[in-house]
C-alpha atoms as a PDB file:
ATOM      1  CA  MET A   1      -9.007  12.713 -14.474  1.00  0.00           C
ATOM      2  CA  ASP A   2      -8.433  15.413 -17.076  1.00  0.00           C
ATOM      3  CA  SER A   3      -5.721  17.097 -15.005  1.00  0.00           C
ATOM      4  CA  LEU A   4      -3.634  13.916 -14.541  1.00  0.00           C
ATOM      5  CA  SER A   5      -0.978  12.791 -16.965  1.00  0.00           C
ATOM      6  CA  LEU A   6      -1.322   9.437 -18.693  1.00  0.00           C
ATOM      7  CA  ASP A   7       1.729   8.165 -16.805  1.00  0.00           C
ATOM      8  CA  THR A   8       0.093   9.024 -13.482  1.00  0.00           C
ATOM      9  CA  ILE A   9      -3.147   7.302 -14.463  1.00  0.00           C
ATOM     10  CA  ILE A  10      -1.240   4.189 -15.540  1.00  0.00           C
ATOM     11  CA  SER A  11       0.711   4.144 -12.267  1.00  0.00           C
ATOM     12  CA  VAL A  12      -2.479   4.395 -10.217  1.00  0.00           C
ATOM     13  CA  ILE A  13      -4.189   1.652 -12.231  1.00  0.00           C
ATOM     14  CA  GLU A  14      -1.144  -0.616 -11.873  1.00  0.00           C
ATOM     15  CA  ALA A  15      -1.187  -0.056  -8.114  1.00  0.00           C
ATOM     16  CA  ILE A  16      -4.899  -0.864  -7.951  1.00  0.00           C
ATOM     17  CA  THR A  17      -4.274  -4.007 -10.014  1.00  0.00           C
ATOM     18  CA  ALA A  18      -1.579  -5.133  -7.574  1.00  0.00           C
ATOM     19  CA  VAL A  19      -3.452  -4.475  -4.329  1.00  0.00           C
ATOM     20  CA  THR A  20      -6.750  -5.945  -5.490  1.00  0.00           C
ATOM     21  CA  LEU A  21      -5.209  -9.413  -5.277  1.00  0.00           C
ATOM     22  CA  TYR A  22      -5.655  -9.289  -1.480  1.00  0.00           C
ATOM     23  CA  ARG A  23      -9.231  -9.784  -0.263  1.00  0.00           C
ATOM     24  CA  PRO A  24      -9.348  -7.197   2.601  1.00  0.00           C
ATOM     25  CA  VAL A  25      -7.881  -4.469   0.415  1.00  0.00           C
ATOM     26  CA  ALA A  26     -10.020  -5.439  -2.573  1.00  0.00           C
ATOM     27  CA  GLN A  27     -13.170  -5.332  -0.443  1.00  0.00           C
ATOM     28  CA  ARG A  28     -12.333  -1.865   0.822  1.00  0.00           C
ATOM     29  CA  ILE A  29     -11.518  -0.621  -2.675  1.00  0.00           C
ATOM     30  CA  SER A  30     -14.813  -2.023  -3.895  1.00  0.00           C
ATOM     31  CA  GLU A  31     -16.688  -0.293  -1.057  1.00  0.00           C
ATOM     32  CA  LEU A  32     -15.092   3.009  -2.050  1.00  0.00           C
ATOM     33  CA  GLY A  33     -16.500   2.691  -5.566  1.00  0.00           C
ATOM     34  CA  VAL A  34     -13.221   2.378  -7.405  1.00  0.00           C
ATOM     35  CA  GLY A  35     -14.829  -0.071  -9.835  1.00  0.00           C
ATOM     36  CA  LYS A  36     -17.053   2.721 -11.096  1.00  0.00           C
ATOM     37  CA  ASP A  37     -14.003   4.919 -11.628  1.00  0.00           C
ATOM     38  CA  LEU A  38     -12.225   2.152 -13.528  1.00  0.00           C
ATOM     39  CA  VAL A  39     -15.207   1.767 -15.849  1.00  0.00           C
ATOM     40  CA  ARG A  40     -15.178   5.529 -16.395  1.00  0.00           C
ATOM     41  CA  ILE A  41     -11.525   5.335 -17.468  1.00  0.00           C
ATOM     42  CA  ILE A  42     -12.448   2.719 -20.077  1.00  0.00           C
ATOM     43  CA  GLN A  43     -15.348   4.867 -21.284  1.00  0.00           C
ATOM     44  CA  HIS A  44     -13.111   7.890 -21.822  1.00  0.00           C
ATOM     45  CA  THR A  45     -10.315   6.030 -23.615  1.00  0.00           C
ATOM     46  CA  LYS A  46     -10.476   6.324 -27.380  1.00  0.00           C
ATOM     47  CA  ASP A  47      -8.277   3.304 -28.221  1.00  0.00           C
ATOM     48  CA  PHE A  48      -9.612   0.119 -26.649  1.00  0.00           C
ATOM     49  CA  ARG A  49      -6.397  -1.719 -27.516  1.00  0.00           C
ATOM     50  CA  SER A  50      -4.304   0.613 -25.361  1.00  0.00           C
ATOM     51  CA  TYR A  51      -2.301  -0.414 -22.321  1.00  0.00           C
ATOM     52  CA  VAL A  52      -4.540   1.704 -20.086  1.00  0.00           C
ATOM     53  CA  VAL A  53      -7.621  -0.282 -21.087  1.00  0.00           C
ATOM     54  CA  SER A  54      -5.942  -3.666 -20.632  1.00  0.00           C
ATOM     55  CA  GLN A  55      -4.656  -2.715 -17.175  1.00  0.00           C
ATOM     56  CA  THR A  56      -8.025  -1.288 -16.196  1.00  0.00           C
ATOM     57  CA  ILE A  57      -9.800  -4.471 -17.272  1.00  0.00           C
ATOM     58  CA  GLU A  58      -7.293  -6.525 -15.271  1.00  0.00           C
ATOM     59  CA  ALA A  59      -7.948  -4.402 -12.176  1.00  0.00           C
ATOM     60  CA  LEU A  60     -11.712  -4.819 -12.634  1.00  0.00           C
ATOM     61  CA  TRP A  61     -11.288  -8.547 -13.127  1.00  0.00           C
ATOM     62  CA  ASN A  62      -9.286  -8.773  -9.886  1.00  0.00           C
ATOM     63  CA  LEU A  63     -12.073  -6.970  -8.038  1.00  0.00           C
ATOM     64  CA  ILE A  64     -14.706  -9.280  -9.478  1.00  0.00           C
ATOM     65  CA  GLU A  65     -12.677 -12.407  -8.840  1.00  0.00           C
ATOM     66  CA  VAL A  66     -11.600 -11.569  -5.288  1.00  0.00           C
ATOM     67  CA  VAL A  67     -14.650  -9.710  -3.959  1.00  0.00           C
ATOM     68  CA  GLY A  68     -17.349 -11.265  -6.088  1.00  0.00           C
END
């Protein structure tokens, strides 16, 4: 994560947020452990009011809501 730019991280999180609305994709993403990586992004972000954190929480919420 350290070698990626903030714009790249945001783009990836936005993509995850979009695709996790569909159950088969969300299940596969969950199986791959992406939820753990999303939590790690939140842990390493200094400003919890940032756009990155809000998008990451939305992606996690989609995973929880769709996969369970």
